[in-house]
N, C-alpha and C. Protein backbone atom coordinates (compact mmCIF):
# COMPACT_ATOMS: atom_id res chain seq x y z
N MET A 1 -38.67 -61.19 133.59
CA MET A 1 -38.35 -61.58 132.25
C MET A 1 -37.98 -63.06 132.23
N ASN A 2 -38.66 -63.78 131.41
CA ASN A 2 -38.48 -65.23 131.32
C ASN A 2 -37.84 -65.56 129.98
N ILE A 3 -36.60 -66.06 130.02
CA ILE A 3 -35.90 -66.40 128.78
C ILE A 3 -35.79 -67.92 128.71
N ARG A 4 -36.23 -68.48 127.60
CA ARG A 4 -36.17 -69.93 127.39
C ARG A 4 -35.13 -70.25 126.33
N ALA A 5 -34.31 -71.21 126.65
CA ALA A 5 -33.32 -71.64 125.66
C ALA A 5 -34.02 -72.53 124.64
N PRO A 6 -33.64 -72.42 123.40
CA PRO A 6 -34.27 -73.26 122.38
C PRO A 6 -33.87 -74.73 122.60
N THR A 7 -34.87 -75.60 122.70
CA THR A 7 -34.59 -77.02 122.94
C THR A 7 -34.63 -77.85 121.66
N PHE A 8 -35.36 -77.40 120.67
CA PHE A 8 -35.50 -78.18 119.45
C PHE A 8 -34.15 -78.41 118.76
N PRO A 9 -33.34 -77.37 118.49
CA PRO A 9 -32.06 -77.61 117.82
C PRO A 9 -31.13 -78.51 118.63
N VAL A 10 -31.14 -78.37 119.94
CA VAL A 10 -30.28 -79.20 120.78
C VAL A 10 -30.70 -80.66 120.68
N ARG A 11 -31.99 -80.91 120.73
CA ARG A 11 -32.49 -82.28 120.60
C ARG A 11 -32.17 -82.84 119.21
N LEU A 12 -32.31 -82.02 118.20
CA LEU A 12 -32.03 -82.46 116.84
C LEU A 12 -30.56 -82.82 116.68
N ILE A 13 -29.68 -82.01 117.22
CA ILE A 13 -28.25 -82.28 117.14
C ILE A 13 -27.92 -83.56 117.92
N GLY A 14 -28.51 -83.71 119.10
CA GLY A 14 -28.28 -84.92 119.89
C GLY A 14 -28.73 -86.17 119.16
N CYS A 15 -29.90 -86.09 118.56
CA CYS A 15 -30.43 -87.22 117.80
C CYS A 15 -29.53 -87.54 116.61
N ALA A 16 -29.07 -86.50 115.93
CA ALA A 16 -28.18 -86.70 114.78
C ALA A 16 -26.88 -87.37 115.20
N LEU A 17 -26.33 -86.96 116.33
CA LEU A 17 -25.09 -87.56 116.82
C LEU A 17 -25.28 -89.03 117.18
N ILE A 18 -26.39 -89.33 117.83
CA ILE A 18 -26.67 -90.72 118.19
C ILE A 18 -26.85 -91.58 116.94
N CYS A 19 -27.60 -91.08 115.97
CA CYS A 19 -27.81 -91.82 114.72
C CYS A 19 -26.50 -92.05 113.99
N THR A 20 -25.65 -91.04 113.94
CA THR A 20 -24.35 -91.17 113.28
C THR A 20 -23.51 -92.23 113.97
N ALA A 21 -23.50 -92.23 115.30
CA ALA A 21 -22.73 -93.22 116.05
C ALA A 21 -23.24 -94.63 115.76
N LEU A 22 -24.55 -94.79 115.72
CA LEU A 22 -25.11 -96.12 115.44
C LEU A 22 -24.77 -96.59 114.03
N ILE A 23 -24.83 -95.69 113.08
CA ILE A 23 -24.51 -96.04 111.69
C ILE A 23 -23.04 -96.44 111.58
N LEU A 24 -22.16 -95.67 112.20
CA LEU A 24 -20.73 -95.98 112.13
C LEU A 24 -20.41 -97.30 112.82
N THR A 25 -21.08 -97.58 113.92
CA THR A 25 -20.87 -98.84 114.62
C THR A 25 -21.28 -100.01 113.73
N GLY A 26 -22.42 -99.89 113.08
CA GLY A 26 -22.88 -100.93 112.18
C GLY A 26 -21.96 -101.11 110.99
N ALA A 27 -21.46 -100.01 110.44
CA ALA A 27 -20.55 -100.08 109.30
C ALA A 27 -19.24 -100.76 109.70
N THR A 28 -18.75 -100.46 110.88
CA THR A 28 -17.52 -101.08 111.37
C THR A 28 -17.72 -102.58 111.53
N ARG A 29 -18.86 -102.96 112.06
CA ARG A 29 -19.15 -104.39 112.24
C ARG A 29 -19.23 -105.09 110.89
N LEU A 30 -19.85 -104.46 109.91
CA LEU A 30 -19.93 -105.07 108.58
C LEU A 30 -18.56 -105.22 107.96
N LEU A 31 -17.70 -104.22 108.12
CA LEU A 31 -16.35 -104.31 107.58
C LEU A 31 -15.57 -105.42 108.27
N ALA A 32 -15.73 -105.55 109.57
CA ALA A 32 -15.04 -106.61 110.32
C ALA A 32 -15.53 -107.98 109.85
N ASP A 33 -16.85 -108.13 109.65
CA ASP A 33 -17.39 -109.39 109.16
C ASP A 33 -16.83 -109.72 107.79
N ASP A 34 -16.71 -108.71 106.92
CA ASP A 34 -16.16 -108.91 105.59
C ASP A 34 -14.71 -109.37 105.68
N ASP A 35 -13.93 -108.77 106.58
CA ASP A 35 -12.54 -109.18 106.77
C ASP A 35 -12.47 -110.62 107.27
N ASP A 36 -13.36 -110.99 108.20
CA ASP A 36 -13.40 -112.36 108.71
C ASP A 36 -13.71 -113.35 107.60
N ASN A 37 -14.66 -112.99 106.73
CA ASN A 37 -15.02 -113.87 105.62
C ASN A 37 -13.85 -114.04 104.66
N LYS A 38 -13.12 -112.96 104.39
CA LYS A 38 -11.96 -113.04 103.50
C LYS A 38 -10.89 -113.94 104.10
N LEU A 39 -10.68 -113.81 105.41
CA LEU A 39 -9.68 -114.64 106.08
C LEU A 39 -10.09 -116.11 106.06
N ARG A 40 -11.37 -116.39 106.31
CA ARG A 40 -11.85 -117.78 106.26
C ARG A 40 -11.65 -118.37 104.86
N ASP A 41 -11.97 -117.58 103.84
CA ASP A 41 -11.77 -118.05 102.46
C ASP A 41 -10.30 -118.32 102.18
N LYS A 42 -9.44 -117.43 102.65
CA LYS A 42 -8.00 -117.59 102.45
C LYS A 42 -7.50 -118.86 103.14
N LEU A 43 -7.98 -119.10 104.36
CA LEU A 43 -7.60 -120.31 105.10
C LEU A 43 -8.09 -121.57 104.40
N ARG A 44 -9.35 -121.56 103.99
CA ARG A 44 -9.92 -122.73 103.31
C ARG A 44 -9.13 -123.06 102.05
N GLN A 45 -8.81 -122.03 101.27
CA GLN A 45 -8.05 -122.24 100.04
C GLN A 45 -6.65 -122.77 100.34
N ALA A 46 -6.03 -122.27 101.40
CA ALA A 46 -4.69 -122.74 101.77
C ALA A 46 -4.73 -124.21 102.20
N VAL A 47 -5.78 -124.62 102.91
CA VAL A 47 -5.93 -126.03 103.30
C VAL A 47 -6.14 -126.88 102.06
N GLU A 48 -7.00 -126.43 101.15
CA GLU A 48 -7.28 -127.19 99.93
C GLU A 48 -6.04 -127.36 99.07
N ARG A 49 -5.15 -126.35 99.05
CA ARG A 49 -3.92 -126.43 98.27
C ARG A 49 -2.82 -127.20 99.01
N GLY A 50 -3.09 -127.57 100.25
CA GLY A 50 -2.11 -128.31 101.03
C GLY A 50 -1.02 -127.43 101.62
N GLU A 51 -1.25 -126.14 101.67
CA GLU A 51 -0.25 -125.21 102.20
C GLU A 51 -0.25 -125.18 103.73
N ILE A 52 -1.41 -125.44 104.32
CA ILE A 52 -1.51 -125.49 105.78
C ILE A 52 -2.35 -126.71 106.17
N LEU A 53 -2.19 -127.12 107.41
CA LEU A 53 -3.00 -128.22 107.93
C LEU A 53 -4.36 -127.70 108.35
N SER A 54 -5.34 -128.57 108.37
CA SER A 54 -6.68 -128.17 108.80
C SER A 54 -6.68 -127.92 110.31
N LEU A 55 -7.68 -127.20 110.76
CA LEU A 55 -7.80 -126.91 112.18
C LEU A 55 -7.95 -128.19 112.98
N SER A 56 -8.69 -129.17 112.46
CA SER A 56 -8.86 -130.43 113.20
C SER A 56 -7.53 -131.18 113.32
N GLU A 57 -6.70 -131.14 112.28
CA GLU A 57 -5.38 -131.77 112.37
C GLU A 57 -4.51 -131.07 113.42
N LEU A 58 -4.56 -129.74 113.43
CA LEU A 58 -3.77 -128.98 114.39
C LEU A 58 -4.25 -129.22 115.82
N ARG A 59 -5.57 -129.33 115.98
CA ARG A 59 -6.11 -129.63 117.31
C ARG A 59 -5.62 -131.00 117.79
N GLY A 60 -5.52 -131.96 116.88
CA GLY A 60 -5.01 -133.28 117.22
C GLY A 60 -3.55 -133.23 117.68
N ILE A 61 -2.75 -132.42 117.00
CA ILE A 61 -1.34 -132.26 117.37
C ILE A 61 -1.23 -131.66 118.77
N VAL A 62 -2.04 -130.64 119.03
CA VAL A 62 -2.02 -129.97 120.34
C VAL A 62 -2.48 -130.94 121.43
N SER A 63 -3.55 -131.67 121.18
CA SER A 63 -4.08 -132.60 122.19
C SER A 63 -3.09 -133.71 122.51
N ALA A 64 -2.32 -134.14 121.50
CA ALA A 64 -1.33 -135.18 121.73
C ALA A 64 -0.17 -134.67 122.58
N ARG A 65 0.12 -133.40 122.46
CA ARG A 65 1.25 -132.82 123.19
C ARG A 65 0.88 -132.34 124.59
N VAL A 66 -0.32 -131.73 124.72
CA VAL A 66 -0.76 -131.19 126.01
C VAL A 66 -2.16 -131.74 126.29
N PRO A 67 -2.27 -132.72 127.18
CA PRO A 67 -3.58 -133.28 127.51
C PRO A 67 -4.47 -132.23 128.17
N GLY A 68 -5.74 -132.29 127.85
CA GLY A 68 -6.70 -131.36 128.44
C GLY A 68 -7.77 -130.99 127.43
N ARG A 69 -8.50 -129.93 127.75
CA ARG A 69 -9.60 -129.48 126.90
C ARG A 69 -9.22 -128.15 126.26
N ILE A 70 -9.28 -128.08 124.94
CA ILE A 70 -9.01 -126.83 124.23
C ILE A 70 -10.17 -125.89 124.50
N ILE A 71 -9.86 -124.74 125.11
CA ILE A 71 -10.93 -123.81 125.50
C ILE A 71 -10.97 -122.56 124.62
N ASP A 72 -9.92 -122.34 123.83
CA ASP A 72 -9.91 -121.15 122.97
C ASP A 72 -8.89 -121.35 121.86
N THR A 73 -9.18 -120.77 120.72
CA THR A 73 -8.27 -120.82 119.58
C THR A 73 -8.25 -119.45 118.92
N GLU A 74 -7.06 -118.95 118.65
CA GLU A 74 -6.91 -117.68 117.94
C GLU A 74 -5.96 -117.89 116.77
N LEU A 75 -6.11 -117.06 115.76
CA LEU A 75 -5.27 -117.14 114.58
C LEU A 75 -4.55 -115.83 114.37
N ASP A 76 -3.26 -115.92 114.12
CA ASP A 76 -2.47 -114.75 113.75
C ASP A 76 -1.88 -115.01 112.37
N GLU A 77 -1.80 -113.96 111.57
CA GLU A 77 -1.19 -114.07 110.25
C GLU A 77 -0.04 -113.08 110.19
N ASP A 78 1.17 -113.61 110.01
CA ASP A 78 2.36 -112.78 109.88
C ASP A 78 3.02 -113.10 108.55
N ASP A 79 3.06 -112.11 107.66
CA ASP A 79 3.72 -112.28 106.36
C ASP A 79 3.25 -113.56 105.66
N ASP A 80 1.95 -113.73 105.57
CA ASP A 80 1.34 -114.91 104.94
C ASP A 80 1.71 -116.22 105.63
N ARG A 81 2.08 -116.14 106.87
CA ARG A 81 2.35 -117.33 107.68
C ARG A 81 1.28 -117.39 108.76
N PHE A 82 0.56 -118.50 108.82
CA PHE A 82 -0.53 -118.65 109.77
C PHE A 82 -0.01 -119.33 111.04
N ILE A 83 -0.27 -118.69 112.18
CA ILE A 83 0.11 -119.23 113.48
C ILE A 83 -1.16 -119.32 114.32
N TYR A 84 -1.46 -120.53 114.79
CA TYR A 84 -2.61 -120.71 115.68
C TYR A 84 -2.12 -120.68 117.12
N GLU A 85 -2.91 -120.05 117.98
CA GLU A 85 -2.65 -120.09 119.41
C GLU A 85 -3.83 -120.80 120.07
N PHE A 86 -3.52 -121.91 120.72
CA PHE A 86 -4.53 -122.69 121.41
C PHE A 86 -4.37 -122.47 122.91
N ARG A 87 -5.48 -122.39 123.62
CA ARG A 87 -5.46 -122.38 125.08
C ARG A 87 -6.09 -123.69 125.54
N VAL A 88 -5.33 -124.41 126.36
CA VAL A 88 -5.77 -125.72 126.82
C VAL A 88 -5.89 -125.68 128.34
N LEU A 89 -7.03 -126.15 128.83
CA LEU A 89 -7.23 -126.31 130.27
C LEU A 89 -6.81 -127.74 130.61
N THR A 90 -5.73 -127.85 131.38
CA THR A 90 -5.18 -129.17 131.71
C THR A 90 -5.98 -129.82 132.84
N PRO A 91 -5.83 -131.13 133.02
CA PRO A 91 -6.51 -131.80 134.13
C PRO A 91 -6.13 -131.23 135.50
N ARG A 92 -4.95 -130.61 135.61
CA ARG A 92 -4.52 -130.01 136.87
C ARG A 92 -5.12 -128.61 137.08
N GLY A 93 -5.88 -128.13 136.09
CA GLY A 93 -6.52 -126.82 136.21
C GLY A 93 -5.69 -125.66 135.70
N LEU A 94 -4.56 -125.94 135.06
CA LEU A 94 -3.74 -124.88 134.48
C LEU A 94 -4.21 -124.55 133.08
N VAL A 95 -4.05 -123.30 132.68
CA VAL A 95 -4.31 -122.90 131.30
C VAL A 95 -2.96 -122.78 130.61
N VAL A 96 -2.79 -123.56 129.56
CA VAL A 96 -1.53 -123.59 128.81
C VAL A 96 -1.79 -123.02 127.42
N GLU A 97 -0.92 -122.10 126.98
CA GLU A 97 -1.02 -121.54 125.63
C GLU A 97 0.01 -122.22 124.74
N ILE A 98 -0.44 -122.68 123.59
CA ILE A 98 0.42 -123.38 122.65
C ILE A 98 0.33 -122.69 121.30
N GLU A 99 1.47 -122.25 120.77
CA GLU A 99 1.51 -121.66 119.43
C GLU A 99 1.95 -122.74 118.45
N VAL A 100 1.21 -122.84 117.34
CA VAL A 100 1.48 -123.88 116.35
C VAL A 100 1.56 -123.26 114.96
N ASP A 101 2.60 -123.62 114.22
CA ASP A 101 2.73 -123.21 112.83
C ASP A 101 1.73 -124.03 112.02
N ALA A 102 0.81 -123.36 111.35
CA ALA A 102 -0.26 -124.07 110.64
C ALA A 102 0.25 -124.82 109.42
N ALA A 103 1.35 -124.38 108.83
CA ALA A 103 1.87 -125.05 107.64
C ALA A 103 2.54 -126.37 107.98
N GLU A 104 3.32 -126.38 109.04
CA GLU A 104 4.10 -127.56 109.38
C GLU A 104 3.51 -128.38 110.52
N GLY A 105 2.62 -127.77 111.30
CA GLY A 105 2.10 -128.45 112.48
C GLY A 105 3.12 -128.48 113.60
N ARG A 106 4.15 -127.67 113.47
CA ARG A 106 5.23 -127.63 114.46
C ARG A 106 4.83 -126.72 115.62
N ILE A 107 5.02 -127.21 116.83
CA ILE A 107 4.73 -126.40 118.01
C ILE A 107 5.87 -125.42 118.20
N LEU A 108 5.52 -124.14 118.21
CA LEU A 108 6.53 -123.08 118.31
C LEU A 108 6.81 -122.69 119.75
N GLU A 109 5.77 -122.72 120.57
CA GLU A 109 5.93 -122.27 121.95
C GLU A 109 4.84 -122.87 122.83
N ILE A 110 5.22 -123.22 124.04
CA ILE A 110 4.27 -123.66 125.06
C ILE A 110 4.48 -122.77 126.27
N ASP A 111 3.40 -122.14 126.72
CA ASP A 111 3.50 -121.20 127.83
C ASP A 111 2.40 -121.49 128.84
N GLU A 112 2.81 -121.78 130.07
CA GLU A 112 1.83 -121.99 131.14
C GLU A 112 1.54 -120.65 131.79
N ASP A 113 0.26 -120.29 131.89
CA ASP A 113 -0.12 -119.02 132.53
C ASP A 113 0.04 -119.10 134.02
């Protein structure tokens, strides 16, 4: 007696699961892009209103304080307060993290890794 398990429904379910995962991944990426665009717009408007300094001004403040090459920049927003974190590769080969208040250009913290 030869019993064969049905393969069509299993393949169909597998295909449906893969398609669902791909759709959800794409939707998540689109939502993240939309959030990034909203944040960029919010930043641009804050710079135009004079509420925060531009990224180039902040980079100048960081470069004057810690010589080296800025290798990464991240932005955090806490209670409508923008804080930039810069990572600077110094001439000695150290990576230094500098937190800067975007409104005042004040350096909040310097941390050598």
